[in-house]
Each structure stands twice: as C-alpha cells, then as structure tokens.
C-alpha cells in the first residue's frame, strides 16, 4: 500500500482510479495530474517507481489544490457562513433538509 496525504492507495488499482481515494480528487482531476507528471495511466499503484511516487507526492503537497482537511474546512466554513447570515440555504442546512430545491413531500424523510 502506498500512503499519500494520509490515505492508503490500493496496490491493485490503476493509478488514476486509486487517486480518487484522496478527498477532493475525482477522475478528471486525477487524469490531469497523471498527464502533467508523465505517468502512464494504465500503471497499477504497485508498479510505480519511487521517482514517480515522490513526484506525485510533491505535486499534491505543493500545488494550489484544495485537498483533504483544507477542502473540508472551507466547505464547513461556507455552510457556517450561510447559517450565520440566516439565509434560506443556511436554515435548510440547520434543519437537515434538502438545500437545492428537491422535493420533500415523498423523499428526504427521516
């Protein structure tokens, strides 16, 4: 297992799929990162060289990507701001109801 940003990446997965285990990286972002670092997307995590792993770690830690704790903190601060200004969306978050206009008559019951 390879450890990147506090997450264990599965050895048997391809690198573009394994990177999605990191909070804030989806498939498209993973493919862009791999293309920028010149890593073969069909390579499995166990087959990566130490140089490729170190370049991947350096890229994820030093770039302006919002990942893991930083992204979670930004999202929670945004929700807290909505609650503090007493907006409609903030009140829906506070009550635990759907925020984006979904129906509540039949779905989202607890």
C-alpha atoms as a PDB file:
ATOM      1  CA  UNK A   1       0.000   0.000   0.000  1.00  0.00           C
ATOM      2  CA  UNK A   2       1.167   3.461  -0.887  1.00  0.00           C
ATOM      3  CA  UNK A   3       0.364   6.296   1.508  1.00  0.00           C
ATOM      4  CA  UNK A   4      -0.356   9.736   0.017  1.00  0.00           C
ATOM      5  CA  UNK A   5      -1.772  12.640   2.044  1.00  0.00           C
ATOM      6  CA  UNK A   6      -2.858  10.306   4.827  1.00  0.00           C
ATOM      7  CA  UNK A   7      -4.706   7.895   2.513  1.00  0.00           C
ATOM      8  CA  UNK A   8      -3.717   4.364   1.612  1.00  0.00           C
ATOM      9  CA  UNK A   9      -3.914   3.733  -2.129  1.00  0.00           C
ATOM     10  CA  UNK A  10      -4.823   0.188  -3.103  1.00  0.00           C
ATOM     11  CA  UNK A  11      -1.997  -1.672  -4.863  1.00  0.00           C
ATOM     12  CA  UNK A  12      -4.225  -3.491  -7.330  1.00  0.00           C
ATOM     13  CA  UNK A  13      -5.949  -0.407  -8.771  1.00  0.00           C
ATOM     14  CA  UNK A  14      -4.728   1.710 -11.654  1.00  0.00           C
ATOM     15  CA  UNK A  15      -3.193   4.979 -10.548  1.00  0.00           C
ATOM     16  CA  UNK A  16      -5.940   7.218 -11.993  1.00  0.00           C
ATOM     17  CA  UNK A  17      -8.652   5.316 -10.089  1.00  0.00           C
ATOM     18  CA  UNK A  18      -6.576   4.998  -6.920  1.00  0.00           C
ATOM     19  CA  UNK A  19      -6.008   8.765  -6.716  1.00  0.00           C
ATOM     20  CA  UNK A  20      -9.750   9.299  -6.319  1.00  0.00           C
ATOM     21  CA  UNK A  21      -9.419   7.927  -2.764  1.00  0.00           C
ATOM     22  CA  UNK A  22      -7.978  11.331  -1.843  1.00  0.00           C
ATOM     23  CA  UNK A  23     -10.771  13.726  -0.819  1.00  0.00           C
ATOM     24  CA  UNK A  24     -11.016  16.442  -3.456  1.00  0.00           C
ATOM     25  CA  UNK A  25      -9.641  14.452  -6.418  1.00  0.00           C
ATOM     26  CA  UNK A  26     -12.064  12.998  -8.922  1.00  0.00           C
ATOM     27  CA  UNK A  27     -11.467  11.065 -12.123  1.00  0.00           C
ATOM     28  CA  UNK A  28     -10.903  14.126 -14.325  1.00  0.00           C
ATOM     29  CA  UNK A  29      -8.502  15.776 -11.873  1.00  0.00           C
ATOM     30  CA  UNK A  30      -6.603  12.512 -11.429  1.00  0.00           C
ATOM     31  CA  UNK A  31      -6.168  12.159 -15.193  1.00  0.00           C
ATOM     32  CA  UNK A  32      -4.896  15.762 -15.465  1.00  0.00           C
ATOM     33  CA  UNK A  33      -2.380  15.191 -12.677  1.00  0.00           C
ATOM     34  CA  UNK A  34      -1.129  11.960 -14.250  1.00  0.00           C
ATOM     35  CA  UNK A  35      -0.806  13.603 -17.670  1.00  0.00           C
ATOM     36  CA  UNK A  36       1.134  16.522 -16.202  1.00  0.00           C
ATOM     37  CA  UNK A  37       3.549  14.182 -14.402  1.00  0.00           C
ATOM     38  CA  UNK A  38       4.000  11.925 -17.474  1.00  0.00           C
ATOM     39  CA  UNK A  39       2.833   8.773 -15.690  1.00  0.00           C
ATOM     40  CA  UNK A  40       1.211   6.005 -17.705  1.00  0.00           C
ATOM     41  CA  UNK A  41      -2.490   5.901 -16.678  1.00  0.00           C
ATOM     42  CA  UNK A  42      -2.595   2.101 -17.089  1.00  0.00           C
ATOM     43  CA  UNK A  43       0.104   1.623 -14.457  1.00  0.00           C
ATOM     44  CA  UNK A  44      -1.031  -0.016 -11.247  1.00  0.00           C
ATOM     45  CA  UNK A  45      -0.030   1.559  -7.959  1.00  0.00           C
ATOM     46  CA  UNK A  46       2.290  -1.304  -7.015  1.00  0.00           C
ATOM     47  CA  UNK A  47       4.253  -0.852 -10.268  1.00  0.00           C
ATOM     48  CA  UNK A  48       5.057   2.839  -9.728  1.00  0.00           C
ATOM     49  CA  UNK A  49       8.717   3.708  -9.273  1.00  0.00           C
ATOM     50  CA  UNK A  50       9.965   5.668  -6.280  1.00  0.00           C
ATOM     51  CA  UNK A  51      10.682   8.656  -8.528  1.00  0.00           C
ATOM     52  CA  UNK A  52       7.082   8.689  -9.791  1.00  0.00           C
ATOM     53  CA  UNK A  53       5.731   8.370  -6.258  1.00  0.00           C
ATOM     54  CA  UNK A  54       7.895  11.190  -4.957  1.00  0.00           C
ATOM     55  CA  UNK A  55       6.929  13.465  -7.867  1.00  0.00           C
ATOM     56  CA  UNK A  56       3.262  12.664  -7.248  1.00  0.00           C
ATOM     57  CA  UNK A  57       3.570  13.431  -3.521  1.00  0.00           C
ATOM     58  CA  UNK A  58       5.437  16.678  -4.228  1.00  0.00           C
ATOM     59  CA  UNK A  59       2.862  17.769  -6.794  1.00  0.00           C
ATOM     60  CA  UNK A  60      -0.093  17.118  -4.491  1.00  0.00           C
ATOM     61  CA  UNK A  61       1.521  18.800  -1.478  1.00  0.00           C
ATOM     62  CA  UNK A  62       2.947  21.891  -3.168  1.00  0.00           C
ATOM     63  CA  UNK A  63       0.319  22.760  -5.781  1.00  0.00           C
ATOM     64  CA  UNK A  64      -2.656  25.015  -5.207  1.00  0.00           C
ATOM     65  CA  UNK A  65      -5.068  22.095  -4.993  1.00  0.00           C
ATOM     66  CA  UNK A  66      -7.520  22.188  -2.115  1.00  0.00           C
ATOM     67  CA  UNK A  67      -7.458  18.631  -0.762  1.00  0.00           C
ATOM     68  CA  UNK A  68      -8.380  16.693   2.365  1.00  0.00           C
ATOM     69  CA  UNK A  69      -8.542  18.842   5.516  1.00  0.00           C
ATOM     70  CA  UNK A  70      -8.278  22.212   3.775  1.00  0.00           C
ATOM     71  CA  UNK A  71     -11.211  21.439   1.482  1.00  0.00           C
ATOM     72  CA  UNK A  72     -13.334  20.079   4.329  1.00  0.00           C
ATOM     73  CA  UNK A  73     -12.586  23.189   6.391  1.00  0.00           C
ATOM     74  CA  UNK A  74     -13.520  25.521   3.516  1.00  0.00           C
ATOM     75  CA  UNK A  75     -16.821  23.697   2.951  1.00  0.00           C
ATOM     76  CA  UNK A  76     -17.734  23.763   6.644  1.00  0.00           C
ATOM     77  CA  UNK A  77     -16.873  27.476   6.884  1.00  0.00           C
ATOM     78  CA  UNK A  78     -19.086  28.197   3.866  1.00  0.00           C
ATOM     79  CA  UNK A  79     -22.002  26.347   5.478  1.00  0.00           C
ATOM     80  CA  UNK A  80     -21.369  28.126   8.787  1.00  0.00           C
ATOM     81  CA  UNK A  81     -21.412  31.485   6.972  1.00  0.00           C
ATOM     82  CA  UNK A  82     -24.770  30.645   5.379  1.00  0.00           C
ATOM     83  CA  UNK A  83     -26.168  29.726   8.789  1.00  0.00           C
ATOM     84  CA  UNK A  84     -24.781  32.897  10.412  1.00  0.00           C
ATOM     85  CA  UNK A  85     -26.341  35.253   7.852  1.00  0.00           C
ATOM     86  CA  UNK A  86     -29.647  33.384   8.294  1.00  0.00           C
ATOM     87  CA  UNK A  87     -30.109  32.729   4.586  1.00  0.00           C
ATOM     88  CA  UNK A  88     -32.665  30.257   3.253  1.00  0.00           C
ATOM     89  CA  UNK A  89     -29.939  27.769   2.391  1.00  0.00           C
ATOM     90  CA  UNK A  90     -28.407  28.167   5.847  1.00  0.00           C
ATOM     91  CA  UNK A  91     -31.729  27.472   7.557  1.00  0.00           C
ATOM     92  CA  UNK A  92     -32.198  24.346   5.406  1.00  0.00           C
ATOM     93  CA  UNK A  93     -28.707  23.137   6.394  1.00  0.00           C
ATOM     94  CA  UNK A  94     -29.513  23.778  10.042  1.00  0.00           C
ATOM     95  CA  UNK A  95     -32.748  21.772   9.861  1.00  0.00           C
ATOM     96  CA  UNK A  96     -31.129  18.960   7.880  1.00  0.00           C
ATOM     97  CA  UNK A  97     -33.477  19.381   4.906  1.00  0.00           C
ATOM     98  CA  UNK A  98     -32.584  19.409   1.183  1.00  0.00           C
ATOM     99  CA  UNK A  99     -30.905  22.669   0.228  1.00  0.00           C
ATOM    100  CA  UNK A 100     -31.136  22.755  -3.561  1.00  0.00           C
ATOM    101  CA  UNK A 101     -34.861  22.652  -4.163  1.00  0.00           C
ATOM    102  CA  UNK A 102     -35.506  18.915  -4.075  1.00  0.00           C
ATOM    103  CA  UNK A 103     -38.988  17.793  -3.169  1.00  0.00           C
ATOM    104  CA  UNK A 104     -39.714  16.888   0.413  1.00  0.00           C
ATOM    105  CA  UNK A 105     -43.242  15.525   0.217  1.00  0.00           C
ATOM    106  CA  UNK A 106     -42.243  11.930  -0.517  1.00  0.00           C
ATOM    107  CA  UNK A 107     -38.449  11.863  -0.308  1.00  0.00           C
ATOM    108  CA  UNK A 108     -35.924  13.015   2.289  1.00  0.00           C
ATOM    109  CA  UNK A 109     -37.962  11.731   5.199  1.00  0.00           C
ATOM    110  CA  UNK A 110     -36.088  10.569   8.225  1.00  0.00           C
END
